Amino acid sequence: MTEDLEDQHKPLSEILRDLCAEDRITVGEIVDRFGRRAFGALLFIFSTPNLLPLPPGSSTVLGAPLVLLSPQVALGVHAPWLPRFVDDREISGLDLNRFFGRLLPAVERFEKISRPRLGFLFGGLGDRLLGLVCTLLALILILPIPFGNLLPALTIGVLAFSLVQRDGVFALLGYGLAAASAGVLFLAADVVIAGVRHLVNWFGAA
């Protein structure tokens, strides 16, 4: 219990390093390590690995927990709920290090310039808005769109970091990235629709 309380005051990067050093740890134990910051930490953990080169289909696997967790933030749930089979799922420290070993230096740099500020962006309504945006992005993230997962994953990662740090500057950056994600998505949809119409007209002419 004392260790869990100490963990809740550690920087996000330090807890991640501790997790990477574990032999094996369950998802439920990871949630306990982060305590009241669990929502932001879990959103960060499941979104940021999508920024790395991963096997095809990984974004769908990593995005599924985001689809489960983000609506809970939007609904104002106080602590993450996970199905028992997810809660008991074991993860090796080696796998965590494979995901986060390259990301941790960047996280540590951001932590040095981050601090609680613009607190009005958080709390009841602010957290719900953040959760709603992350939910929409998570639904995009799980779609099998080539390279379409990078910007949504980055956006969720930035918003999750802002939630952990209670840093409104990073929240505003995340909302800006969310707007960019929406723009890219609409542009991609227009391109796909135009391509389909072109094919239909070409076959019709033939």
N, C-alpha and C. Protein backbone atom coordinates (compact mmCIF):
# COMPACT_ATOMS: atom_id res chain seq x y z
N MET A 1 0.82 -1.20 0.00
CA MET A 1 0.00 0.00 0.00
C MET A 1 0.86 1.25 0.00
N THR A 2 1.90 1.26 0.87
CA THR A 2 2.80 2.41 0.93
C THR A 2 3.49 2.63 -0.41
N GLU A 3 3.89 1.52 -1.04
CA GLU A 3 4.55 1.63 -2.35
C GLU A 3 3.60 2.22 -3.38
N ASP A 4 2.31 1.81 -3.33
CA ASP A 4 1.33 2.34 -4.28
C ASP A 4 1.15 3.84 -4.09
N LEU A 5 1.11 4.30 -2.81
CA LEU A 5 0.97 5.73 -2.54
C LEU A 5 2.17 6.51 -3.04
N GLU A 6 3.35 5.93 -2.88
CA GLU A 6 4.55 6.59 -3.38
C GLU A 6 4.53 6.67 -4.89
N ASP A 7 4.06 5.61 -5.55
CA ASP A 7 3.99 5.59 -7.01
C ASP A 7 3.10 6.71 -7.54
N GLN A 8 2.03 7.04 -6.80
CA GLN A 8 1.09 8.04 -7.27
C GLN A 8 1.70 9.43 -7.33
N HIS A 9 2.84 9.62 -6.67
CA HIS A 9 3.51 10.92 -6.69
C HIS A 9 4.74 10.93 -7.60
N LYS A 10 5.05 9.78 -8.18
CA LYS A 10 6.19 9.70 -9.08
C LYS A 10 5.82 10.25 -10.45
N PRO A 11 6.80 10.76 -11.20
CA PRO A 11 6.53 11.16 -12.59
C PRO A 11 6.09 9.96 -13.42
N LEU A 12 5.33 10.23 -14.46
CA LEU A 12 4.86 9.17 -15.35
C LEU A 12 6.03 8.36 -15.89
N SER A 13 7.09 9.04 -16.31
CA SER A 13 8.23 8.34 -16.90
C SER A 13 8.90 7.39 -15.90
N GLU A 14 8.96 7.80 -14.64
CA GLU A 14 9.61 6.97 -13.63
C GLU A 14 8.82 5.69 -13.37
N ILE A 15 7.48 5.82 -13.33
CA ILE A 15 6.66 4.62 -13.13
C ILE A 15 6.78 3.70 -14.34
N LEU A 16 6.82 4.26 -15.54
CA LEU A 16 6.97 3.45 -16.74
C LEU A 16 8.29 2.70 -16.72
N ARG A 17 9.35 3.36 -16.27
CA ARG A 17 10.66 2.69 -16.16
C ARG A 17 10.59 1.54 -15.15
N ASP A 18 9.90 1.77 -14.05
CA ASP A 18 9.74 0.72 -13.06
C ASP A 18 8.97 -0.47 -13.64
N LEU A 19 7.93 -0.17 -14.42
CA LEU A 19 7.14 -1.24 -15.03
C LEU A 19 7.97 -2.03 -16.04
N CYS A 20 8.82 -1.32 -16.78
CA CYS A 20 9.67 -1.99 -17.78
C CYS A 20 10.69 -2.91 -17.11
N ALA A 21 10.99 -2.65 -15.85
CA ALA A 21 11.97 -3.46 -15.12
C ALA A 21 11.33 -4.68 -14.45
N GLU A 22 10.00 -4.75 -14.46
CA GLU A 22 9.30 -5.88 -13.85
C GLU A 22 9.49 -7.13 -14.70
N ASP A 23 9.42 -8.29 -14.03
CA ASP A 23 9.46 -9.55 -14.76
C ASP A 23 8.14 -9.73 -15.51
N ARG A 24 7.05 -9.78 -14.74
CA ARG A 24 5.71 -9.80 -15.32
C ARG A 24 4.79 -9.02 -14.40
N ILE A 25 3.76 -8.39 -14.98
CA ILE A 25 2.83 -7.60 -14.19
C ILE A 25 1.48 -7.63 -14.88
N THR A 26 0.40 -7.64 -14.10
CA THR A 26 -0.94 -7.67 -14.69
C THR A 26 -1.41 -6.25 -15.00
N VAL A 27 -2.39 -6.17 -15.89
CA VAL A 27 -2.95 -4.86 -16.24
C VAL A 27 -3.57 -4.22 -15.00
N GLY A 28 -4.21 -5.03 -14.15
CA GLY A 28 -4.81 -4.51 -12.93
C GLY A 28 -3.77 -3.90 -12.00
N GLU A 29 -2.61 -4.53 -11.91
CA GLU A 29 -1.53 -3.99 -11.07
C GLU A 29 -0.99 -2.68 -11.64
N ILE A 30 -0.97 -2.57 -12.97
CA ILE A 30 -0.54 -1.31 -13.60
C ILE A 30 -1.51 -0.20 -13.24
N VAL A 31 -2.81 -0.50 -13.29
CA VAL A 31 -3.82 0.49 -12.91
C VAL A 31 -3.59 0.96 -11.47
N ASP A 32 -3.31 0.01 -10.57
CA ASP A 32 -3.08 0.35 -9.16
C ASP A 32 -1.85 1.24 -8.99
N ARG A 33 -0.83 1.00 -9.80
CA ARG A 33 0.40 1.79 -9.70
C ARG A 33 0.14 3.27 -9.96
N PHE A 34 -0.77 3.56 -10.89
CA PHE A 34 -1.03 4.95 -11.27
C PHE A 34 -2.10 5.62 -10.41
N GLY A 35 -2.87 4.84 -9.68
CA GLY A 35 -3.85 5.42 -8.76
C GLY A 35 -4.82 6.36 -9.45
N ARG A 36 -4.95 7.57 -8.92
CA ARG A 36 -5.92 8.54 -9.43
C ARG A 36 -5.57 9.01 -10.85
N ARG A 37 -4.33 8.77 -11.29
CA ARG A 37 -3.92 9.18 -12.63
C ARG A 37 -4.09 8.05 -13.65
N ALA A 38 -4.81 6.98 -13.26
CA ALA A 38 -4.85 5.77 -14.06
C ALA A 38 -5.45 6.00 -15.45
N PHE A 39 -6.53 6.79 -15.54
CA PHE A 39 -7.15 7.00 -16.85
C PHE A 39 -6.15 7.61 -17.83
N GLY A 40 -5.52 8.72 -17.44
CA GLY A 40 -4.57 9.36 -18.33
C GLY A 40 -3.40 8.45 -18.67
N ALA A 41 -2.90 7.74 -17.65
CA ALA A 41 -1.76 6.86 -17.87
C ALA A 41 -2.09 5.72 -18.82
N LEU A 42 -3.27 5.11 -18.66
CA LEU A 42 -3.65 4.00 -19.53
C LEU A 42 -3.88 4.46 -20.96
N LEU A 43 -4.51 5.62 -21.12
CA LEU A 43 -4.69 6.16 -22.47
C LEU A 43 -3.34 6.41 -23.12
N PHE A 44 -2.38 6.88 -22.33
CA PHE A 44 -1.03 7.12 -22.84
C PHE A 44 -0.36 5.81 -23.22
N ILE A 45 -0.48 4.82 -22.35
CA ILE A 45 0.18 3.53 -22.56
C ILE A 45 -0.32 2.83 -23.82
N PHE A 46 -1.63 2.92 -24.08
CA PHE A 46 -2.19 2.20 -25.23
C PHE A 46 -2.16 3.01 -26.53
N SER A 47 -1.92 4.30 -26.45
CA SER A 47 -1.91 5.12 -27.67
C SER A 47 -0.50 5.31 -28.24
N THR A 48 0.46 5.64 -27.40
CA THR A 48 1.78 6.03 -27.91
C THR A 48 2.56 4.92 -28.63
N PRO A 49 2.39 3.63 -28.27
CA PRO A 49 3.12 2.62 -29.06
C PRO A 49 2.76 2.63 -30.53
N ASN A 50 1.59 3.17 -30.89
CA ASN A 50 1.18 3.24 -32.29
C ASN A 50 2.05 4.20 -33.10
N LEU A 51 2.87 5.00 -32.41
CA LEU A 51 3.78 5.91 -33.11
C LEU A 51 5.03 5.18 -33.59
N LEU A 52 5.22 3.94 -33.12
CA LEU A 52 6.39 3.15 -33.49
C LEU A 52 6.04 2.18 -34.62
N PRO A 53 7.05 1.72 -35.37
CA PRO A 53 6.78 0.70 -36.39
C PRO A 53 6.30 -0.59 -35.74
N LEU A 54 5.09 -1.00 -36.05
CA LEU A 54 4.49 -2.19 -35.45
C LEU A 54 3.93 -3.08 -36.55
N PRO A 55 3.72 -4.36 -36.26
CA PRO A 55 3.14 -5.26 -37.26
C PRO A 55 1.74 -4.82 -37.65
N PRO A 56 1.30 -5.14 -38.87
CA PRO A 56 -0.05 -4.76 -39.30
C PRO A 56 -1.10 -5.29 -38.33
N GLY A 57 -2.10 -4.48 -38.06
CA GLY A 57 -3.16 -4.90 -37.15
C GLY A 57 -2.93 -4.52 -35.70
N SER A 58 -1.71 -4.05 -35.38
CA SER A 58 -1.41 -3.70 -33.99
C SER A 58 -2.25 -2.54 -33.49
N SER A 59 -2.54 -1.58 -34.39
CA SER A 59 -3.33 -0.42 -33.96
C SER A 59 -4.73 -0.84 -33.53
N THR A 60 -5.27 -1.89 -34.16
CA THR A 60 -6.59 -2.38 -33.77
C THR A 60 -6.54 -3.00 -32.39
N VAL A 61 -5.49 -3.79 -32.13
CA VAL A 61 -5.33 -4.44 -30.82
C VAL A 61 -5.13 -3.41 -29.72
N LEU A 62 -4.24 -2.44 -29.97
CA LEU A 62 -3.96 -1.41 -28.97
C LEU A 62 -5.10 -0.42 -28.85
N GLY A 63 -5.85 -0.24 -29.94
CA GLY A 63 -6.95 0.72 -29.92
C GLY A 63 -8.17 0.22 -29.17
N ALA A 64 -8.34 -1.10 -29.08
CA ALA A 64 -9.52 -1.65 -28.41
C ALA A 64 -9.64 -1.19 -26.96
N PRO A 65 -8.57 -1.23 -26.15
CA PRO A 65 -8.70 -0.71 -24.78
C PRO A 65 -9.02 0.78 -24.75
N LEU A 66 -8.56 1.53 -25.75
CA LEU A 66 -8.86 2.96 -25.80
C LEU A 66 -10.35 3.19 -26.02
N VAL A 67 -10.95 2.34 -26.86
CA VAL A 67 -12.39 2.44 -27.12
C VAL A 67 -13.17 2.11 -25.85
N LEU A 68 -12.61 1.28 -25.00
CA LEU A 68 -13.26 0.91 -23.74
C LEU A 68 -13.06 1.98 -22.67
N LEU A 69 -11.85 2.56 -22.61
CA LEU A 69 -11.51 3.49 -21.53
C LEU A 69 -11.98 4.92 -21.79
N SER A 70 -11.83 5.38 -23.03
CA SER A 70 -12.15 6.78 -23.33
C SER A 70 -13.60 7.16 -23.00
N PRO A 71 -14.59 6.32 -23.35
CA PRO A 71 -15.97 6.67 -22.99
C PRO A 71 -16.18 6.78 -21.48
N GLN A 72 -15.40 6.03 -20.70
CA GLN A 72 -15.53 6.12 -19.24
C GLN A 72 -15.11 7.50 -18.75
N VAL A 73 -14.06 8.07 -19.39
CA VAL A 73 -13.65 9.44 -19.05
C VAL A 73 -14.76 10.40 -19.45
N ALA A 74 -15.33 10.18 -20.63
CA ALA A 74 -16.39 11.07 -21.12
C ALA A 74 -17.63 11.02 -20.24
N LEU A 75 -17.87 9.87 -19.61
CA LEU A 75 -19.04 9.71 -18.76
C LEU A 75 -18.79 10.13 -17.32
N GLY A 76 -17.55 10.51 -17.02
CA GLY A 76 -17.24 10.96 -15.67
C GLY A 76 -17.00 9.85 -14.67
N VAL A 77 -16.68 8.65 -15.15
CA VAL A 77 -16.36 7.54 -14.24
C VAL A 77 -15.09 7.87 -13.47
N HIS A 78 -15.06 7.56 -12.17
CA HIS A 78 -13.94 7.99 -11.34
C HIS A 78 -12.72 7.06 -11.42
N ALA A 79 -12.95 5.78 -11.69
CA ALA A 79 -11.83 4.83 -11.76
C ALA A 79 -12.06 3.90 -12.94
N PRO A 80 -11.00 3.51 -13.63
CA PRO A 80 -11.16 2.67 -14.82
C PRO A 80 -11.81 1.33 -14.48
N TRP A 81 -12.74 0.92 -15.33
CA TRP A 81 -13.31 -0.43 -15.24
C TRP A 81 -12.81 -1.22 -16.43
N LEU A 82 -12.30 -2.41 -16.14
CA LEU A 82 -11.82 -3.30 -17.18
C LEU A 82 -12.41 -4.68 -16.95
N PRO A 83 -12.74 -5.42 -18.02
CA PRO A 83 -13.21 -6.80 -17.84
C PRO A 83 -12.16 -7.62 -17.11
N ARG A 84 -12.60 -8.62 -16.38
CA ARG A 84 -11.69 -9.42 -15.57
C ARG A 84 -10.57 -10.03 -16.41
N PHE A 85 -10.91 -10.49 -17.63
CA PHE A 85 -9.87 -11.13 -18.44
C PHE A 85 -8.80 -10.13 -18.89
N VAL A 86 -9.18 -8.84 -18.99
CA VAL A 86 -8.19 -7.81 -19.31
C VAL A 86 -7.41 -7.45 -18.04
N ASP A 87 -8.13 -7.30 -16.94
CA ASP A 87 -7.52 -6.93 -15.66
C ASP A 87 -6.46 -7.94 -15.24
N ASP A 88 -6.71 -9.22 -15.53
CA ASP A 88 -5.78 -10.28 -15.12
C ASP A 88 -4.72 -10.58 -16.16
N ARG A 89 -4.77 -9.90 -17.29
CA ARG A 89 -3.82 -10.16 -18.36
C ARG A 89 -2.41 -9.75 -17.94
N GLU A 90 -1.46 -10.67 -18.08
CA GLU A 90 -0.08 -10.39 -17.69
C GLU A 90 0.71 -9.82 -18.87
N ILE A 91 1.57 -8.87 -18.56
CA ILE A 91 2.45 -8.26 -19.56
C ILE A 91 3.87 -8.35 -19.03
N SER A 92 4.80 -8.72 -19.88
CA SER A 92 6.19 -8.80 -19.43
C SER A 92 6.85 -7.43 -19.51
N GLY A 93 7.79 -7.21 -18.59
CA GLY A 93 8.54 -5.96 -18.61
C GLY A 93 9.32 -5.81 -19.91
N LEU A 94 9.73 -6.94 -20.49
CA LEU A 94 10.47 -6.90 -21.75
C LEU A 94 9.60 -6.33 -22.87
N ASP A 95 8.32 -6.73 -22.91
CA ASP A 95 7.42 -6.20 -23.92
C ASP A 95 7.17 -4.71 -23.70
N LEU A 96 7.00 -4.31 -22.44
CA LEU A 96 6.80 -2.89 -22.15
C LEU A 96 8.02 -2.08 -22.56
N ASN A 97 9.19 -2.62 -22.29
CA ASN A 97 10.42 -1.91 -22.65
C ASN A 97 10.56 -1.80 -24.17
N ARG A 98 10.07 -2.80 -24.87
CA ARG A 98 10.12 -2.77 -26.34
C ARG A 98 9.27 -1.61 -26.87
N PHE A 99 8.16 -1.36 -26.21
CA PHE A 99 7.28 -0.26 -26.62
C PHE A 99 7.79 1.10 -26.15
N PHE A 100 8.17 1.18 -24.87
CA PHE A 100 8.40 2.48 -24.25
C PHE A 100 9.87 2.86 -24.10
N GLY A 101 10.78 1.92 -24.34
CA GLY A 101 12.19 2.24 -24.20
C GLY A 101 12.63 3.42 -25.06
N ARG A 102 12.08 3.50 -26.28
CA ARG A 102 12.45 4.60 -27.18
C ARG A 102 11.63 5.86 -26.94
N LEU A 103 10.50 5.72 -26.25
CA LEU A 103 9.64 6.88 -26.03
C LEU A 103 9.95 7.61 -24.72
N LEU A 104 10.54 6.90 -23.76
CA LEU A 104 10.75 7.49 -22.44
C LEU A 104 11.62 8.74 -22.43
N PRO A 105 12.71 8.80 -23.20
CA PRO A 105 13.48 10.05 -23.21
C PRO A 105 12.65 11.27 -23.61
N ALA A 106 11.77 11.10 -24.59
CA ALA A 106 10.91 12.21 -25.00
C ALA A 106 9.92 12.56 -23.89
N VAL A 107 9.36 11.54 -23.23
CA VAL A 107 8.43 11.79 -22.13
C VAL A 107 9.11 12.58 -21.02
N GLU A 108 10.34 12.22 -20.70
CA GLU A 108 11.09 12.92 -19.64
C GLU A 108 11.36 14.37 -20.02
N ARG A 109 11.63 14.62 -21.29
CA ARG A 109 11.86 16.00 -21.72
C ARG A 109 10.58 16.83 -21.57
N PHE A 110 9.45 16.23 -21.95
CA PHE A 110 8.18 16.95 -21.83
C PHE A 110 7.81 17.19 -20.37
N GLU A 111 8.15 16.23 -19.52
CA GLU A 111 7.84 16.41 -18.09
C GLU A 111 8.60 17.59 -17.50
N LYS A 112 9.79 17.87 -18.02
CA LYS A 112 10.58 18.98 -17.49
C LYS A 112 9.95 20.34 -17.78
N ILE A 113 9.19 20.42 -18.86
CA ILE A 113 8.58 21.72 -19.21
C ILE A 113 7.09 21.76 -18.87
N SER A 114 6.59 20.66 -18.30
CA SER A 114 5.17 20.57 -17.99
C SER A 114 4.93 20.86 -16.52
N ARG A 115 3.76 21.47 -16.24
CA ARG A 115 3.34 21.72 -14.86
C ARG A 115 1.82 21.94 -14.86
N PRO A 116 1.17 21.79 -13.72
CA PRO A 116 -0.28 22.06 -13.67
C PRO A 116 -0.58 23.52 -14.01
N ARG A 117 -1.42 23.75 -15.01
CA ARG A 117 -1.80 25.11 -15.41
C ARG A 117 -3.07 25.05 -16.25
N LEU A 118 -3.73 26.20 -16.35
CA LEU A 118 -5.02 26.30 -17.06
C LEU A 118 -5.97 25.21 -16.56
N GLY A 119 -6.10 25.18 -15.24
CA GLY A 119 -6.89 24.13 -14.60
C GLY A 119 -8.34 24.09 -15.02
N PHE A 120 -8.87 25.21 -15.56
CA PHE A 120 -10.27 25.23 -15.98
C PHE A 120 -10.55 24.26 -17.13
N LEU A 121 -9.49 23.79 -17.80
CA LEU A 121 -9.67 22.84 -18.89
C LEU A 121 -9.90 21.41 -18.39
N PHE A 122 -9.78 21.24 -17.07
CA PHE A 122 -9.97 19.91 -16.49
C PHE A 122 -11.14 19.96 -15.49
N GLY A 123 -11.32 18.89 -14.76
CA GLY A 123 -12.47 18.83 -13.86
C GLY A 123 -13.64 18.17 -14.55
N GLY A 124 -14.84 18.35 -14.02
CA GLY A 124 -16.01 17.64 -14.54
C GLY A 124 -16.22 17.77 -16.03
N LEU A 125 -16.50 18.98 -16.50
CA LEU A 125 -16.79 19.18 -17.92
C LEU A 125 -15.55 19.03 -18.79
N GLY A 126 -14.41 19.54 -18.31
CA GLY A 126 -13.17 19.46 -19.09
C GLY A 126 -12.73 18.04 -19.33
N ASP A 127 -12.78 17.20 -18.29
CA ASP A 127 -12.39 15.80 -18.45
C ASP A 127 -13.34 15.07 -19.39
N ARG A 128 -14.63 15.39 -19.30
CA ARG A 128 -15.61 14.73 -20.18
C ARG A 128 -15.38 15.09 -21.64
N LEU A 129 -15.06 16.36 -21.90
CA LEU A 129 -14.76 16.77 -23.27
C LEU A 129 -13.53 16.05 -23.78
N LEU A 130 -12.50 15.97 -22.94
CA LEU A 130 -11.28 15.27 -23.33
C LEU A 130 -11.58 13.80 -23.63
N GLY A 131 -12.41 13.19 -22.79
CA GLY A 131 -12.77 11.79 -23.01
C GLY A 131 -13.56 11.59 -24.29
N LEU A 132 -14.44 12.55 -24.61
CA LEU A 132 -15.22 12.45 -25.85
C LEU A 132 -14.32 12.52 -27.07
N VAL A 133 -13.37 13.47 -27.06
CA VAL A 133 -12.44 13.61 -28.19
C VAL A 133 -11.61 12.33 -28.34
N CYS A 134 -11.12 11.80 -27.23
CA CYS A 134 -10.32 10.57 -27.29
C CYS A 134 -11.14 9.39 -27.78
N THR A 135 -12.43 9.36 -27.43
CA THR A 135 -13.29 8.28 -27.90
C THR A 135 -13.42 8.30 -29.42
N LEU A 136 -13.68 9.48 -29.98
CA LEU A 136 -13.80 9.62 -31.43
C LEU A 136 -12.49 9.24 -32.13
N LEU A 137 -11.37 9.66 -31.55
CA LEU A 137 -10.07 9.35 -32.14
C LEU A 137 -9.76 7.86 -32.02
N ALA A 138 -10.17 7.24 -30.92
CA ALA A 138 -9.93 5.80 -30.75
C ALA A 138 -10.70 4.99 -31.78
N LEU A 139 -11.90 5.44 -32.12
CA LEU A 139 -12.69 4.75 -33.15
C LEU A 139 -12.00 4.85 -34.51
N ILE A 140 -11.34 5.98 -34.75
CA ILE A 140 -10.57 6.13 -36.00
C ILE A 140 -9.32 5.25 -35.95
N LEU A 141 -8.71 5.20 -34.78
CA LEU A 141 -7.44 4.48 -34.62
C LEU A 141 -7.58 2.99 -34.94
N ILE A 142 -8.72 2.40 -34.60
CA ILE A 142 -8.87 0.96 -34.79
C ILE A 142 -9.20 0.60 -36.24
N LEU A 143 -9.48 1.61 -37.07
CA LEU A 143 -9.77 1.32 -38.47
C LEU A 143 -8.49 0.94 -39.22
N PRO A 144 -8.56 -0.03 -40.11
CA PRO A 144 -7.36 -0.47 -40.85
C PRO A 144 -6.99 0.49 -41.97
N ILE A 145 -6.63 1.72 -41.61
CA ILE A 145 -6.25 2.74 -42.60
C ILE A 145 -4.72 2.85 -42.60
N PRO A 146 -4.06 2.57 -43.73
CA PRO A 146 -2.60 2.67 -43.76
C PRO A 146 -2.12 4.05 -43.33
N PHE A 147 -1.25 4.08 -42.32
CA PHE A 147 -0.66 5.32 -41.77
C PHE A 147 -1.73 6.26 -41.18
N GLY A 148 -2.98 5.79 -41.15
CA GLY A 148 -4.05 6.64 -40.62
C GLY A 148 -4.11 6.66 -39.11
N ASN A 149 -3.27 5.84 -38.47
CA ASN A 149 -3.32 5.76 -37.01
C ASN A 149 -2.32 6.70 -36.34
N LEU A 150 -1.39 7.28 -37.09
CA LEU A 150 -0.31 8.05 -36.47
C LEU A 150 -0.81 9.32 -35.80
N LEU A 151 -1.56 10.14 -36.53
CA LEU A 151 -2.01 11.40 -35.97
C LEU A 151 -3.03 11.20 -34.84
N PRO A 152 -4.02 10.30 -34.99
CA PRO A 152 -4.92 10.04 -33.86
C PRO A 152 -4.18 9.52 -32.63
N ALA A 153 -3.19 8.63 -32.84
CA ALA A 153 -2.42 8.09 -31.71
C ALA A 153 -1.64 9.19 -31.01
N LEU A 154 -1.00 10.06 -31.80
CA LEU A 154 -0.26 11.18 -31.23
C LEU A 154 -1.19 12.10 -30.44
N THR A 155 -2.37 12.37 -31.00
CA THR A 155 -3.32 13.27 -30.35
C THR A 155 -3.80 12.69 -29.02
N ILE A 156 -4.16 11.41 -29.01
CA ILE A 156 -4.60 10.78 -27.76
C ILE A 156 -3.45 10.79 -26.75
N GLY A 157 -2.23 10.53 -27.22
CA GLY A 157 -1.08 10.53 -26.33
C GLY A 157 -0.87 11.89 -25.67
N VAL A 158 -0.99 12.96 -26.46
CA VAL A 158 -0.81 14.32 -25.92
C VAL A 158 -1.93 14.66 -24.94
N LEU A 159 -3.17 14.33 -25.28
CA LEU A 159 -4.28 14.60 -24.39
C LEU A 159 -4.17 13.77 -23.10
N ALA A 160 -3.72 12.52 -23.24
CA ALA A 160 -3.53 11.68 -22.05
C ALA A 160 -2.44 12.24 -21.15
N PHE A 161 -1.35 12.71 -21.77
CA PHE A 161 -0.26 13.32 -20.99
C PHE A 161 -0.78 14.56 -20.25
N SER A 162 -1.60 15.35 -20.92
CA SER A 162 -2.15 16.55 -20.28
C SER A 162 -3.04 16.18 -19.10
N LEU A 163 -3.76 15.05 -19.22
CA LEU A 163 -4.64 14.60 -18.15
C LEU A 163 -3.84 14.14 -16.94
N VAL A 164 -2.73 13.45 -17.20
CA VAL A 164 -1.85 13.01 -16.10
C VAL A 164 -1.23 14.20 -15.41
N GLN A 165 -0.74 15.15 -16.20
CA GLN A 165 -0.02 16.31 -15.66
C GLN A 165 -0.94 17.45 -15.23
N ARG A 166 -2.21 17.38 -15.65
CA ARG A 166 -3.16 18.49 -15.46
C ARG A 166 -2.60 19.77 -16.06
N ASP A 167 -2.03 19.61 -17.24
CA ASP A 167 -1.38 20.72 -17.94
C ASP A 167 -2.25 21.16 -19.10
N GLY A 168 -2.88 22.33 -18.96
CA GLY A 168 -3.78 22.82 -19.97
C GLY A 168 -3.11 23.19 -21.28
N VAL A 169 -1.83 23.55 -21.24
CA VAL A 169 -1.12 23.88 -22.48
C VAL A 169 -1.04 22.65 -23.38
N PHE A 170 -0.74 21.50 -22.79
CA PHE A 170 -0.71 20.26 -23.58
C PHE A 170 -2.11 19.86 -24.02
N ALA A 171 -3.11 20.17 -23.21
CA ALA A 171 -4.49 19.89 -23.60
C ALA A 171 -4.87 20.70 -24.84
N LEU A 172 -4.51 21.98 -24.85
CA LEU A 172 -4.80 22.82 -26.02
C LEU A 172 -4.05 22.31 -27.25
N LEU A 173 -2.81 21.87 -27.05
CA LEU A 173 -2.06 21.28 -28.16
C LEU A 173 -2.77 20.03 -28.67
N GLY A 174 -3.28 19.22 -27.75
CA GLY A 174 -4.00 18.01 -28.14
C GLY A 174 -5.26 18.33 -28.92
N TYR A 175 -6.00 19.36 -28.49
CA TYR A 175 -7.21 19.74 -29.22
C TYR A 175 -6.87 20.26 -30.62
N GLY A 176 -5.75 20.96 -30.72
CA GLY A 176 -5.30 21.41 -32.04
C GLY A 176 -4.98 20.24 -32.95
N LEU A 177 -4.30 19.24 -32.39
CA LEU A 177 -3.99 18.03 -33.16
C LEU A 177 -5.26 17.27 -33.53
N ALA A 178 -6.26 17.31 -32.64
CA ALA A 178 -7.54 16.65 -32.93
C ALA A 178 -8.21 17.29 -34.13
N ALA A 179 -8.16 18.62 -34.18
CA ALA A 179 -8.73 19.32 -35.34
C ALA A 179 -7.99 18.94 -36.62
N ALA A 180 -6.66 18.82 -36.52
CA ALA A 180 -5.86 18.42 -37.68
C ALA A 180 -6.22 16.99 -38.08
N SER A 181 -6.42 16.11 -37.10
CA SER A 181 -6.80 14.72 -37.39
C SER A 181 -8.11 14.67 -38.15
N ALA A 182 -9.08 15.50 -37.71
CA ALA A 182 -10.38 15.53 -38.39
C ALA A 182 -10.22 16.01 -39.82
N GLY A 183 -9.37 17.03 -40.01
CA GLY A 183 -9.14 17.55 -41.36
C GLY A 183 -8.52 16.50 -42.27
N VAL A 184 -7.53 15.78 -41.75
CA VAL A 184 -6.87 14.73 -42.54
C VAL A 184 -7.86 13.63 -42.88
N LEU A 185 -8.72 13.27 -41.91
CA LEU A 185 -9.70 12.21 -42.13
C LEU A 185 -10.68 12.60 -43.23
N PHE A 186 -11.19 13.84 -43.17
CA PHE A 186 -12.14 14.29 -44.20
C PHE A 186 -11.47 14.34 -45.57
N LEU A 187 -10.20 14.76 -45.60
CA LEU A 187 -9.47 14.81 -46.87
C LEU A 187 -9.30 13.41 -47.43
N ALA A 188 -8.93 12.47 -46.56
CA ALA A 188 -8.75 11.08 -47.01
C ALA A 188 -10.07 10.52 -47.51
N ALA A 189 -11.18 10.84 -46.80
CA ALA A 189 -12.50 10.34 -47.23
C ALA A 189 -12.85 10.90 -48.60
N ASP A 190 -12.55 12.18 -48.83
CA ASP A 190 -12.84 12.80 -50.13
C ASP A 190 -12.05 12.11 -51.24
N VAL A 191 -10.78 11.80 -50.95
CA VAL A 191 -9.94 11.14 -51.94
C VAL A 191 -10.48 9.76 -52.29
N VAL A 192 -10.88 9.02 -51.24
CA VAL A 192 -11.41 7.67 -51.46
C VAL A 192 -12.71 7.75 -52.27
N ILE A 193 -13.61 8.66 -51.88
CA ILE A 193 -14.89 8.80 -52.59
C ILE A 193 -14.66 9.19 -54.05
N ALA A 194 -13.72 10.13 -54.27
CA ALA A 194 -13.41 10.55 -55.64
C ALA A 194 -12.85 9.38 -56.45
N GLY A 195 -12.02 8.57 -55.81
CA GLY A 195 -11.45 7.40 -56.49
C GLY A 195 -12.51 6.39 -56.87
N VAL A 196 -13.44 6.14 -55.95
CA VAL A 196 -14.53 5.20 -56.22
C VAL A 196 -15.40 5.71 -57.36
N ARG A 197 -15.71 7.00 -57.35
CA ARG A 197 -16.52 7.58 -58.43
C ARG A 197 -15.81 7.47 -59.77
N HIS A 198 -14.50 7.69 -59.75
CA HIS A 198 -13.73 7.59 -60.99
C HIS A 198 -13.79 6.17 -61.54
N LEU A 199 -13.66 5.18 -60.64
CA LEU A 199 -13.72 3.78 -61.10
C LEU A 199 -15.09 3.45 -61.63
N VAL A 200 -16.13 3.91 -60.94
CA VAL A 200 -17.51 3.63 -61.40
C VAL A 200 -17.73 4.26 -62.77
N ASN A 201 -17.27 5.48 -62.97
CA ASN A 201 -17.45 6.15 -64.28
C ASN A 201 -16.64 5.44 -65.36
N TRP A 202 -15.44 4.97 -64.97
CA TRP A 202 -14.58 4.30 -65.96
C TRP A 202 -15.22 2.99 -66.42
N PHE A 203 -15.74 2.19 -65.42
CA PHE A 203 -16.40 0.94 -65.80
C PHE A 203 -17.69 1.20 -66.56
N GLY A 204 -18.40 2.30 -66.18
CA GLY A 204 -19.63 2.64 -66.89
C GLY A 204 -19.38 2.99 -68.34
N ALA A 205 -18.27 3.73 -68.55
CA ALA A 205 -17.91 4.12 -69.93
C ALA A 205 -17.47 2.94 -70.75
N ALA A 206 -16.85 1.97 -70.07
CA ALA A 206 -16.39 0.79 -70.78
C ALA A 206 -17.58 -0.07 -71.20
